Each structure stands twice: as C-alpha cells, then as structure tokens.
C-alpha cells in the first residue's frame, strides 16, 4: 500500500485550501444567494460589509477536513491504480487511460464520507453574511464558528444532517476526479514523450492547473445542487423535497444555465489551487519515496 500518497495528499490539500478559500466563498455565495449577481459585485459587497474576514469564514474546519479528504483521494487513487495493474497481470507496465480514469473515480467517491460533514459546515458559514462586528441593531449571525455550526446542525437536524447533499457531492467528485487525474496524467505523458525522464516543476504546475479546470468543468452542475441542498432550510423554510426535486425546481425557475453560473470562478480558482496541490504532492511524494527534489512522471499508456 502506498502510504506516502496519503501523507503527500494531506499536505497538498491543506495548501490548496489556503490558496483558494476566498474565491471558494465567492463561488458558494453566487450559487446559493440571489443577492449576489456576479463575481465583482459579490467581492465588493462582501468586502464592504464584512471586511477581509468575510472571505475566510469557516476556513478552520476545511483545513483539517480537506487534509483528510485529499489524503483519501490521492491514497485511494494510487492504490487503486496498483490493484488494477495487478488484476491485469501487468504490475510493472504503465497504467492505461481507463485505469487512471477508474482510479480517479474511486478516489472521488471514497472521500465523500469524510468530506461531507466539513463541507456543509463550510458552506453554511460562507453563506452567513451577518458580521460579528455589527452594531447592536444589526442581525447577529446564527453560527459563531465551525464547532458551533457543527453542533447546531447535529442538534437541529441530527447526524444525518451533516450528510445533506452527500449524493450530489458524490456525483460531483466521482466524475470530476476521474477527469482530473486523467487530464493531469495525459499532459505529463505528453511532455515526457514516452521517456522515463523526470518531469520538471514547470510542467507539473500548469498540468495541475489545467487538470483542476477540467475537473471543475465536469463537476460544477452537481456543485450547484449540492450547495443548494446544504443551505435548504438553514435560515428559511425548506424548498426542496430531495435531490431530484432540487434539480427540477432549479431548472424550472432559473433555467439550465444556472448550473454553469459559477463555472468561471470555479476555473479561476481551480488553476492556482491545483498548481499548488500537484506541485506540493509531487515534491513531497518524491522526497518521501526517494529523497529526490524532482518528480517522476505518472506512467500512462495511451491506448
């Protein structure tokens, strides 16, 4: 088992959160609150009402949970690749595109159970526009921090409340991580040009950024549904009876275009975040496995 990938993935995920959290807050608000009509308007409104802190609401818990989920994703991906190679009876040969795709799919699905509780806390705190620094006459925020939010959800909705939106989360992350790892591996294979030479950092970083954009292009529609189900009933009366009702009502009221309303900011955030994620992952993995400062290209046979 490749334990190095679990460790490297954990550190890489934490670095990715730190880089991309402000834009993630803007994305979630655009997806769930009609008062925000675009990226610029959301940024200006958040900054004027809540200050810089508004972009980092609920960040503490995601740093911890994303470290775990990223560890699960990368560890599951690498170990699934190994299992598929053994099943094919070719453990020393490069992996096929199908194996990379299925391994990414497995990694995305596997991390859902770990990610869901932290994700709903993150979304609810990000959508909480009231400021703790407001005047006595201003409305106070419902949640006072990540732990209070977590305990409030359990108290009001039970343990299962932490897994609201888990189905669209799984439908988002399975296909998006499959696309993510396949894109990254393919780009690195192109630059390796069939040789076993080590890939430089200036290839790893843009490959990771492009892979992140590709993954979010696939995952954005389900990301919208996930966020809406997670916010449903938090402040107002519940509107959706479940996953399919949420999809149908969203299309009926706002049209199919709403599923890609946040695609631009997802891609804008995904490029720098995943540059950092893959660079950190590959450097740590190389260091832990061989003490090398360079990174090895993933082996992928283009069939």
Protein backbone atom coordinates (compact mmCIF):
# COMPACT_ATOMS: atom_id res chain seq x y z
CA UNK A 1 0.00 0.00 0.00
CA UNK A 2 1.27 3.47 -0.89
CA UNK A 3 1.10 5.31 2.45
CA UNK A 4 3.32 8.06 1.04
CA UNK A 5 0.46 9.17 -1.19
CA UNK A 6 -1.87 9.56 1.79
CA UNK A 7 0.67 11.79 3.57
CA UNK A 8 1.58 13.83 0.47
CA UNK A 9 -2.08 14.26 -0.47
CA UNK A 10 -2.90 15.51 3.03
CA UNK A 11 -0.33 18.32 2.94
CA UNK A 12 -1.20 19.18 -0.67
CA UNK A 13 -4.90 19.51 0.17
CA UNK A 14 -4.22 21.88 3.07
CA UNK A 15 -2.07 24.10 0.83
CA UNK A 16 -4.82 24.12 -1.81
CA UNK A 17 -7.44 25.29 0.69
CA UNK A 18 -5.25 28.16 1.86
CA UNK A 19 -4.76 29.38 -1.72
CA UNK A 20 -8.33 29.04 -2.97
CA UNK A 21 -10.61 29.72 0.00
CA UNK A 22 -11.51 33.38 -0.72
CA UNK A 23 -12.70 32.58 -4.25
CA UNK A 24 -14.48 29.48 -2.93
CA UNK A 25 -16.50 31.73 -0.62
CA UNK A 26 -17.47 33.94 -3.55
CA UNK A 27 -18.44 30.87 -5.58
CA UNK A 28 -20.70 29.44 -2.87
CA UNK A 29 -22.45 32.76 -2.34
CA UNK A 30 -23.14 33.21 -6.04
CA UNK A 31 -24.54 29.66 -6.23
CA UNK A 32 -26.88 29.95 -3.25
CA UNK A 33 -27.88 33.60 -2.77
CA UNK A 34 -29.69 35.64 -5.40
CA UNK A 35 -28.49 38.93 -3.86
CA UNK A 36 -25.11 38.25 -5.47
CA UNK A 37 -25.30 38.73 -9.23
CA UNK A 38 -21.67 38.28 -10.24
CA UNK A 39 -18.09 37.85 -9.08
CA UNK A 40 -17.22 41.55 -8.85
CA UNK A 41 -20.46 42.52 -7.11
CA UNK A 42 -20.07 39.67 -4.61
CA UNK A 43 -16.44 40.58 -3.85
CA UNK A 44 -17.24 44.27 -3.34
CA UNK A 45 -20.33 43.56 -1.23
CA UNK A 46 -18.52 41.05 0.99
CA UNK A 47 -15.54 43.35 1.46
CA UNK A 48 -17.65 46.40 2.34
CA UNK A 49 -19.96 44.61 4.80
CA UNK A 50 -17.68 42.00 6.38
CA UNK A 51 -14.13 43.02 5.58
CA UNK A 52 -11.42 40.57 4.57
CA UNK A 53 -12.60 38.16 7.26
CA UNK A 54 -15.76 37.57 5.22
CA UNK A 55 -13.77 35.68 2.61
CA UNK A 56 -12.30 33.30 5.20
CA UNK A 57 -15.39 32.38 7.19
CA UNK A 58 -15.39 28.73 8.22
CA UNK A 59 -11.87 28.08 6.99
CA UNK A 60 -10.60 26.36 10.15
CA UNK A 61 -12.57 23.14 9.75
CA UNK A 62 -11.94 22.76 5.98
CA UNK A 63 -8.18 22.97 6.58
CA UNK A 64 -8.49 19.89 8.78
CA UNK A 65 -11.12 18.01 6.78
CA UNK A 66 -9.65 18.74 3.34
CA UNK A 67 -6.31 17.46 4.59
CA UNK A 68 -8.07 14.19 5.38
CA UNK A 69 -10.15 14.08 2.20
CA UNK A 70 -7.21 14.94 -0.03
CA UNK A 71 -5.25 12.21 1.71
CA UNK A 72 -8.06 9.75 0.94
CA UNK A 73 -8.32 10.90 -2.69
CA UNK A 74 -4.63 10.62 -3.54
CA UNK A 75 -4.10 7.49 -1.46
CA UNK A 76 -7.13 5.71 -2.93
CA UNK A 77 -6.15 6.80 -6.44
CA UNK A 78 -2.60 5.46 -6.22
CA UNK A 79 -3.58 2.19 -4.51
CA UNK A 80 -6.45 1.57 -6.94
CA UNK A 81 -4.00 2.05 -9.82
CA UNK A 82 -1.78 -0.60 -8.26
CA UNK A 83 -4.71 -3.01 -7.74
CA UNK A 84 -5.90 -2.60 -11.34
CA UNK A 85 -2.38 -3.25 -12.62
CA UNK A 86 -2.15 -6.44 -10.57
CA UNK A 87 -5.59 -7.53 -11.76
CA UNK A 88 -4.44 -7.07 -15.33
CA UNK A 89 -1.33 -9.10 -14.57
CA UNK A 90 0.97 -6.28 -15.59
CA UNK A 91 2.13 -4.68 -12.35
CA UNK A 92 5.33 -3.31 -13.89
CA UNK A 93 3.81 -1.87 -17.06
CA UNK A 94 2.30 1.63 -17.41
CA UNK A 95 -1.35 2.13 -16.47
CA UNK A 96 -3.96 2.52 -19.17
CA UNK A 97 -6.17 5.58 -19.52
CA UNK A 98 -9.16 3.55 -18.34
CA UNK A 99 -7.30 2.52 -15.18
CA UNK A 100 -6.37 6.15 -14.43
CA UNK A 101 -10.00 7.22 -15.01
CA UNK A 102 -11.45 4.49 -12.78
CA UNK A 103 -8.87 5.13 -10.05
CA UNK A 104 -9.73 8.83 -10.02
CA UNK A 105 -13.43 7.91 -9.88
CA UNK A 106 -12.77 5.64 -6.89
CA UNK A 107 -10.80 8.37 -5.11
CA UNK A 108 -13.56 10.93 -5.60
CA UNK A 109 -16.29 8.61 -4.34
CA UNK A 110 -14.22 7.35 -1.38
CA UNK A 111 -13.63 10.79 0.10
CA UNK A 112 -17.35 11.72 0.20
CA UNK A 113 -17.99 10.16 3.61
CA UNK A 114 -15.05 12.09 5.11
CA UNK A 115 -15.72 15.36 3.30
CA UNK A 116 -19.49 15.79 3.67
CA UNK A 117 -19.67 16.95 7.34
CA UNK A 118 -16.91 19.52 6.96
CA UNK A 119 -18.27 20.69 3.62
CA UNK A 120 -21.77 21.52 4.90
CA UNK A 121 -20.24 23.50 7.79
CA UNK A 122 -18.02 25.37 5.32
CA UNK A 123 -20.94 26.22 3.02
CA UNK A 124 -23.20 27.45 5.81
CA UNK A 125 -20.53 29.67 7.32
CA UNK A 126 -19.61 31.05 3.90
CA UNK A 127 -23.24 31.95 3.22
CA UNK A 128 -23.63 33.68 6.58
CA UNK A 129 -23.35 37.33 5.57
CA UNK A 130 -24.03 38.83 9.02
CA UNK A 131 -20.94 40.21 10.71
CA UNK A 132 -19.91 39.57 14.32
CA UNK A 133 -18.64 43.15 14.38
CA UNK A 134 -22.01 44.67 13.57
CA UNK A 135 -23.86 47.25 15.68
CA UNK A 136 -26.38 46.12 18.33
CA UNK A 137 -29.25 46.92 15.95
CA UNK A 138 -27.89 44.68 13.20
CA UNK A 139 -28.87 40.99 12.96
CA UNK A 140 -26.38 38.64 14.55
CA UNK A 141 -25.01 35.56 12.77
CA UNK A 142 -26.68 32.23 13.53
CA UNK A 143 -23.40 30.36 13.83
CA UNK A 144 -20.48 31.59 15.95
CA UNK A 145 -17.82 29.38 14.36
CA UNK A 146 -17.14 25.97 12.82
CA UNK A 147 -17.64 23.95 16.02
CA UNK A 148 -20.83 25.81 16.94
CA UNK A 149 -22.14 25.31 13.41
CA UNK A 150 -21.33 21.58 13.51
CA UNK A 151 -23.05 21.09 16.86
CA UNK A 152 -26.05 23.19 15.79
CA UNK A 153 -26.61 21.06 12.70
CA UNK A 154 -26.44 17.86 14.77
CA UNK A 155 -28.86 19.33 17.35
CA UNK A 156 -31.40 20.61 14.80
CA UNK A 157 -31.12 18.00 12.04
CA UNK A 158 -29.43 15.00 13.61
CA UNK A 159 -26.25 13.27 12.48
CA UNK A 160 -27.73 12.73 9.02
CA UNK A 161 -27.97 16.49 8.66
CA UNK A 162 -24.19 16.53 8.26
CA UNK A 163 -24.62 14.41 5.13
CA UNK A 164 -27.21 16.57 3.42
CA UNK A 165 -26.05 16.99 -0.15
CA UNK A 166 -23.89 13.85 0.00
CA UNK A 167 -25.44 12.38 -3.17
CA UNK A 168 -24.66 15.37 -5.43
CA UNK A 169 -21.27 15.61 -3.70
CA UNK A 170 -20.56 12.03 -4.77
CA UNK A 171 -21.90 12.67 -8.28
CA UNK A 172 -19.69 15.75 -8.45
CA UNK A 173 -16.45 14.34 -7.12
CA UNK A 174 -16.50 10.90 -8.75
CA UNK A 175 -16.56 12.09 -12.40
CA UNK A 176 -14.59 15.28 -11.68
CA UNK A 177 -11.68 13.47 -10.02
CA UNK A 178 -11.70 10.88 -12.79
CA UNK A 179 -11.33 13.73 -15.31
CA UNK A 180 -8.86 15.50 -13.02
CA UNK A 181 -6.33 12.67 -12.77
CA UNK A 182 -6.74 11.58 -16.40
CA UNK A 183 -6.07 15.13 -17.64
CA UNK A 184 -3.04 15.56 -15.40
CA UNK A 185 -1.55 12.19 -16.33
CA UNK A 186 -2.13 12.74 -20.04
CA UNK A 187 -0.46 16.18 -20.04
CA UNK A 188 2.55 14.84 -18.13
CA UNK A 189 2.79 11.92 -20.55
CA UNK A 190 2.82 14.31 -23.50
CA UNK A 191 5.74 16.24 -22.03
CA UNK A 192 7.57 13.05 -21.07
CA UNK A 193 7.27 11.98 -24.73
CA UNK A 194 7.47 8.30 -23.90
CA UNK A 195 10.71 8.61 -21.95
CA UNK A 196 11.25 7.91 -18.26
CA UNK A 197 12.88 11.26 -17.60
CA UNK A 198 11.63 13.19 -14.61
CA UNK A 199 9.06 15.91 -15.19
CA UNK A 200 10.11 19.41 -14.07
CA UNK A 201 8.07 21.64 -11.80
CA UNK A 202 7.22 23.99 -14.69
CA UNK A 203 5.32 21.10 -16.31
CA UNK A 204 3.71 19.78 -13.11
CA UNK A 205 2.24 23.16 -12.13
CA UNK A 206 0.38 24.05 -15.36
CA UNK A 207 -0.64 20.40 -15.79
CA UNK A 208 -2.20 20.50 -12.32
CA UNK A 209 -3.91 23.82 -13.05
CA UNK A 210 -5.40 22.59 -16.33
CA UNK A 211 -6.49 19.34 -14.67
CA UNK A 212 -8.27 21.34 -11.98
CA UNK A 213 -10.13 23.41 -14.57
CA UNK A 214 -11.15 20.26 -16.46
CA UNK A 215 -12.38 18.60 -13.28
CA UNK A 216 -14.46 21.60 -12.25
CA UNK A 217 -15.98 21.89 -15.71
CA UNK A 218 -17.38 18.41 -15.20
CA UNK A 219 -18.31 18.93 -11.54
CA UNK A 220 -19.87 22.41 -11.50
CA UNK A 221 -23.53 21.41 -12.21
CA UNK A 222 -23.62 18.98 -9.27
CA UNK A 223 -21.74 21.52 -7.14
CA UNK A 224 -24.67 23.93 -7.56
CA UNK A 225 -27.20 21.29 -6.48
CA UNK A 226 -25.02 20.23 -3.55
CA UNK A 227 -24.73 23.78 -2.21
CA UNK A 228 -28.46 24.41 -2.53
CA UNK A 229 -29.41 21.23 -0.70
CA UNK A 230 -26.90 22.01 2.05
CA UNK A 231 -28.35 25.50 2.54
CA UNK A 232 -32.01 24.45 2.19
CA UNK A 233 -33.84 25.10 5.46
CA UNK A 234 -30.86 26.64 7.22
CA UNK A 235 -32.49 30.08 7.53
CA UNK A 236 -35.78 29.79 5.69
CA UNK A 237 -38.42 27.11 5.19
CA UNK A 238 -37.22 24.10 3.19
CA UNK A 239 -37.93 24.37 -0.54
CA UNK A 240 -36.66 21.04 -1.84
CA UNK A 241 -38.00 17.56 -1.11
CA UNK A 242 -34.81 15.89 -2.26
CA UNK A 243 -32.15 15.65 -4.95
CA UNK A 244 -34.39 15.21 -8.00
CA UNK A 245 -36.87 17.86 -6.82
CA UNK A 246 -33.99 20.30 -6.35
CA UNK A 247 -32.74 19.65 -9.89
CA UNK A 248 -36.24 20.02 -11.38
CA UNK A 249 -37.08 23.20 -9.45
CA UNK A 250 -33.73 24.80 -10.23
CA UNK A 251 -34.22 24.20 -13.97
CA UNK A 252 -37.86 25.30 -13.89
CA UNK A 253 -37.24 28.56 -12.04
CA UNK A 254 -33.81 29.62 -13.34
CA UNK A 255 -33.17 27.56 -16.46
CA UNK A 256 -30.39 25.09 -17.21
CA UNK A 257 -27.83 27.88 -17.50
CA UNK A 258 -27.77 28.25 -13.71
CA UNK A 259 -25.75 25.03 -13.46
CA UNK A 260 -22.80 26.82 -15.05
CA UNK A 261 -23.24 30.25 -13.44
CA UNK A 262 -20.23 29.66 -11.22
CA UNK A 263 -18.09 27.87 -13.81
CA UNK A 264 -15.96 30.95 -14.48
CA UNK A 265 -14.98 31.46 -10.85
CA UNK A 266 -14.53 27.70 -10.37
CA UNK A 267 -11.97 27.64 -13.18
CA UNK A 268 -10.37 30.89 -11.98
CA UNK A 269 -9.91 29.33 -8.54
CA UNK A 270 -9.04 25.83 -9.78
CA UNK A 271 -5.96 26.79 -11.77
CA UNK A 272 -3.80 28.29 -8.98
CA UNK A 273 -5.16 25.91 -6.33
CA UNK A 274 -4.33 22.77 -8.28
CA UNK A 275 -0.98 24.13 -9.41
CA UNK A 276 -0.11 24.28 -5.73
CA UNK A 277 -1.78 20.95 -4.91
CA UNK A 278 0.05 18.89 -7.52
CA UNK A 279 3.36 20.66 -7.00
CA UNK A 280 3.19 20.02 -3.24
CA UNK A 281 2.01 16.45 -3.74
CA UNK A 282 4.66 15.51 -6.28
CA UNK A 283 7.54 17.16 -4.41
CA UNK A 284 6.59 15.57 -1.08
CA UNK A 285 5.95 12.21 -2.69
CA UNK A 286 9.32 12.30 -4.43
CA UNK A 287 11.07 13.39 -1.26
CA UNK A 288 9.43 10.77 0.94
CA UNK A 289 9.97 7.93 -1.52
CA UNK A 290 13.43 8.63 -2.85
CA UNK A 291 14.72 11.84 -1.31
CA UNK A 292 14.66 13.44 -4.76
CA UNK A 293 13.82 17.06 -5.41
CA UNK A 294 12.44 16.19 -8.82
CA UNK A 295 9.20 14.44 -9.59
CA UNK A 296 8.52 11.32 -11.55
CA UNK A 297 6.05 11.38 -14.42
CA UNK A 298 2.99 9.23 -13.85
CA UNK A 299 3.11 6.18 -16.09
CA UNK A 300 0.22 6.16 -18.51
CA UNK A 301 -0.08 4.12 -21.66
CA UNK A 302 -2.25 5.91 -24.20
CA UNK A 303 -4.40 3.18 -25.71
